[in-house]
Amino acid sequence: MTRRRAAAVATAVLAISVFALPWFALDGYRPDGWNATWWARLALLLALLDLPLILVARDRRLPRALAALALAAVAVRVAFPPDFGFGFDGLSVPVHRRAGCWIALASAALALLLLSVPERRPSPSGHRAPPPGGSEGQARA
């Protein structure tokens, strides 16, 4: 699997985690990312915009930028969980992070990492290119 395809899979996992997995828990209330926060909705939008670009764009700068923005959106919400409207008059209600936000964070980070690492291109013969500075098997003088 190429790095681009792996990045596309990681981006798809991010998108799926927004609407299919619980992100937070407030007693019995366990909303998915879509129902929990606008940050997750923004991450979903960025992931959906990024998916086709990852697969077809020759230049990886735009897909990398969208992946970085999606990661930032998820990271903000993971770092600062929503208060679900109870953060007034000093009332603090504990909100627990659930698996969905961690999966979204990991998959967004993986997608960005895969898009940031340049792909090695095979030599025209199909074999690995020799290391720079000489061919394999020759001793340096």
Protein backbone atom coordinates (compact mmCIF):
# COMPACT_ATOMS: atom_id res chain seq x y z
CA MET A 1 0.00 0.00 0.00
CA THR A 2 1.40 3.37 -0.94
CA ARG A 3 1.71 6.18 1.55
CA ARG A 4 -0.98 8.14 -0.28
CA ARG A 5 -3.47 5.29 0.04
CA ALA A 6 -2.55 4.78 3.68
CA ALA A 7 -3.06 8.53 4.27
CA ALA A 8 -6.44 8.29 2.53
CA VAL A 9 -7.43 5.37 4.79
CA ALA A 10 -6.35 7.32 7.88
CA THR A 11 -8.36 10.32 6.68
CA ALA A 12 -11.40 8.10 6.11
CA VAL A 13 -11.03 6.71 9.63
CA LEU A 14 -11.02 10.29 10.94
CA ALA A 15 -14.20 11.05 9.00
CA ILE A 16 -15.96 7.89 10.17
CA SER A 17 -14.98 8.47 13.80
CA VAL A 18 -16.79 11.83 13.77
CA PHE A 19 -20.23 10.34 13.22
CA ALA A 20 -19.84 6.71 14.28
CA LEU A 21 -17.93 6.76 17.57
CA PRO A 22 -18.57 8.42 20.93
CA TRP A 23 -16.18 11.31 21.59
CA PHE A 24 -17.20 12.33 25.10
CA ALA A 25 -19.27 11.13 28.03
CA LEU A 26 -21.33 13.19 30.43
CA ASP A 27 -22.88 10.64 32.75
CA GLY A 28 -25.17 8.62 30.43
CA TYR A 29 -24.85 11.03 27.51
CA ARG A 30 -22.22 9.78 25.03
CA PRO A 31 -22.36 11.96 21.92
CA ASP A 32 -20.48 11.20 18.75
CA GLY A 33 -18.20 13.93 17.39
CA TRP A 34 -20.90 15.37 15.16
CA ASN A 35 -23.29 15.92 18.07
CA ALA A 36 -20.61 16.93 20.56
CA THR A 37 -18.81 19.81 18.90
CA TRP A 38 -18.38 22.07 15.89
CA TRP A 39 -14.65 21.28 15.96
CA ALA A 40 -15.41 17.67 14.97
CA ARG A 41 -17.73 18.88 12.21
CA LEU A 42 -14.92 21.09 10.90
CA ALA A 43 -12.52 18.11 11.01
CA LEU A 44 -15.07 16.02 9.08
CA LEU A 45 -15.45 18.72 6.43
CA LEU A 46 -11.68 19.05 6.06
CA ALA A 47 -11.28 15.26 5.84
CA LEU A 48 -13.96 15.00 3.15
CA LEU A 49 -12.30 17.76 1.15
CA ASP A 50 -8.91 16.13 1.61
CA LEU A 51 -9.80 12.56 0.60
CA PRO A 52 -9.98 13.07 -3.18
CA LEU A 53 -7.00 15.42 -3.14
CA ILE A 54 -4.83 12.86 -1.37
CA LEU A 55 -5.50 10.33 -4.11
CA VAL A 56 -5.31 12.51 -7.23
CA ALA A 57 -3.32 15.68 -6.52
CA ARG A 58 0.23 15.61 -7.84
CA ASP A 59 1.39 18.25 -5.40
CA ARG A 60 0.91 17.21 -1.78
CA ARG A 61 0.99 20.70 -0.27
CA LEU A 62 -2.78 21.26 -0.27
CA PRO A 63 -3.64 17.76 1.06
CA ARG A 64 -0.96 18.22 3.74
CA ALA A 65 -2.37 21.62 4.71
CA LEU A 66 -5.92 20.25 4.97
CA ALA A 67 -4.66 17.30 7.03
CA ALA A 68 -2.84 19.70 9.36
CA LEU A 69 -5.99 21.79 9.81
CA ALA A 70 -8.07 18.67 10.52
CA LEU A 71 -5.52 17.53 13.09
CA ALA A 72 -5.59 20.97 14.71
CA ALA A 73 -9.40 20.94 14.91
CA VAL A 74 -9.41 17.54 16.59
CA ALA A 75 -6.51 18.44 18.89
CA VAL A 76 -8.26 21.58 20.14
CA ARG A 77 -11.37 19.62 21.09
CA VAL A 78 -9.39 16.79 22.70
CA ALA A 79 -7.35 19.29 24.72
CA PHE A 80 -10.41 21.30 25.75
CA PRO A 81 -13.52 19.10 26.05
CA PRO A 82 -16.89 20.82 25.64
CA ASP A 83 -18.86 21.77 28.75
CA PHE A 84 -22.24 21.00 27.09
CA GLY A 85 -23.66 24.25 28.47
CA PHE A 86 -22.91 23.62 32.13
CA GLY A 87 -19.88 25.92 32.39
CA PHE A 88 -21.74 28.84 33.97
CA ASP A 89 -21.68 30.25 37.50
CA GLY A 90 -18.65 28.11 38.28
CA LEU A 91 -20.62 24.88 37.91
CA SER A 92 -18.29 22.19 36.66
CA VAL A 93 -19.63 18.93 35.30
CA PRO A 94 -17.00 16.30 34.47
CA VAL A 95 -16.80 15.41 30.80
CA HIS A 96 -14.81 12.29 29.95
CA ARG A 97 -13.05 11.68 26.65
CA ARG A 98 -14.15 8.50 24.87
CA ALA A 99 -12.49 6.36 22.21
CA GLY A 100 -13.78 8.34 19.22
CA CYS A 101 -11.78 11.47 19.93
CA TRP A 102 -8.58 9.47 20.49
CA ILE A 103 -9.08 7.49 17.27
CA ALA A 104 -9.74 10.73 15.39
CA LEU A 105 -6.62 12.32 16.85
CA ALA A 106 -4.42 9.32 16.02
CA SER A 107 -5.77 8.91 12.49
CA ALA A 108 -5.45 12.66 11.75
CA ALA A 109 -1.85 12.62 13.00
CA LEU A 110 -1.07 9.50 10.97
CA ALA A 111 -2.53 11.03 7.80
CA LEU A 112 -0.43 14.16 8.25
CA LEU A 113 2.69 12.11 8.93
CA LEU A 114 2.15 9.95 5.85
CA LEU A 115 1.60 13.02 3.68
CA SER A 116 4.72 14.70 5.08
CA VAL A 117 7.15 11.86 4.37
CA PRO A 118 8.31 11.87 0.75
CA GLU A 119 7.72 8.68 -1.21
CA ARG A 120 10.71 6.82 -2.53
CA ARG A 121 10.56 6.32 -6.23
CA PRO A 122 11.99 3.12 -7.70
CA SER A 123 14.81 3.35 -10.19
CA PRO A 124 13.87 2.83 -13.87
CA SER A 125 15.13 -0.76 -13.69
CA GLY A 126 12.77 -1.53 -10.84
CA HIS A 127 15.61 -2.22 -8.40
CA ARG A 128 16.60 -0.14 -5.44
CA ALA A 129 18.75 2.80 -6.38
CA PRO A 130 22.37 2.56 -5.18
CA PRO A 131 23.28 4.71 -2.20
CA PRO A 132 24.74 8.13 -3.00
CA GLY A 133 28.52 8.29 -3.32
CA GLY A 134 29.15 5.06 -5.19
CA SER A 135 27.66 1.76 -6.18
CA GLU A 136 27.00 -1.17 -3.92
CA GLY A 137 29.88 -3.51 -3.31
CA GLN A 138 32.64 -1.06 -4.23
CA ALA A 139 35.02 0.06 -1.53
CA ARG A 140 35.81 3.73 -1.27
CA ALA A 141 39.36 4.73 -1.93
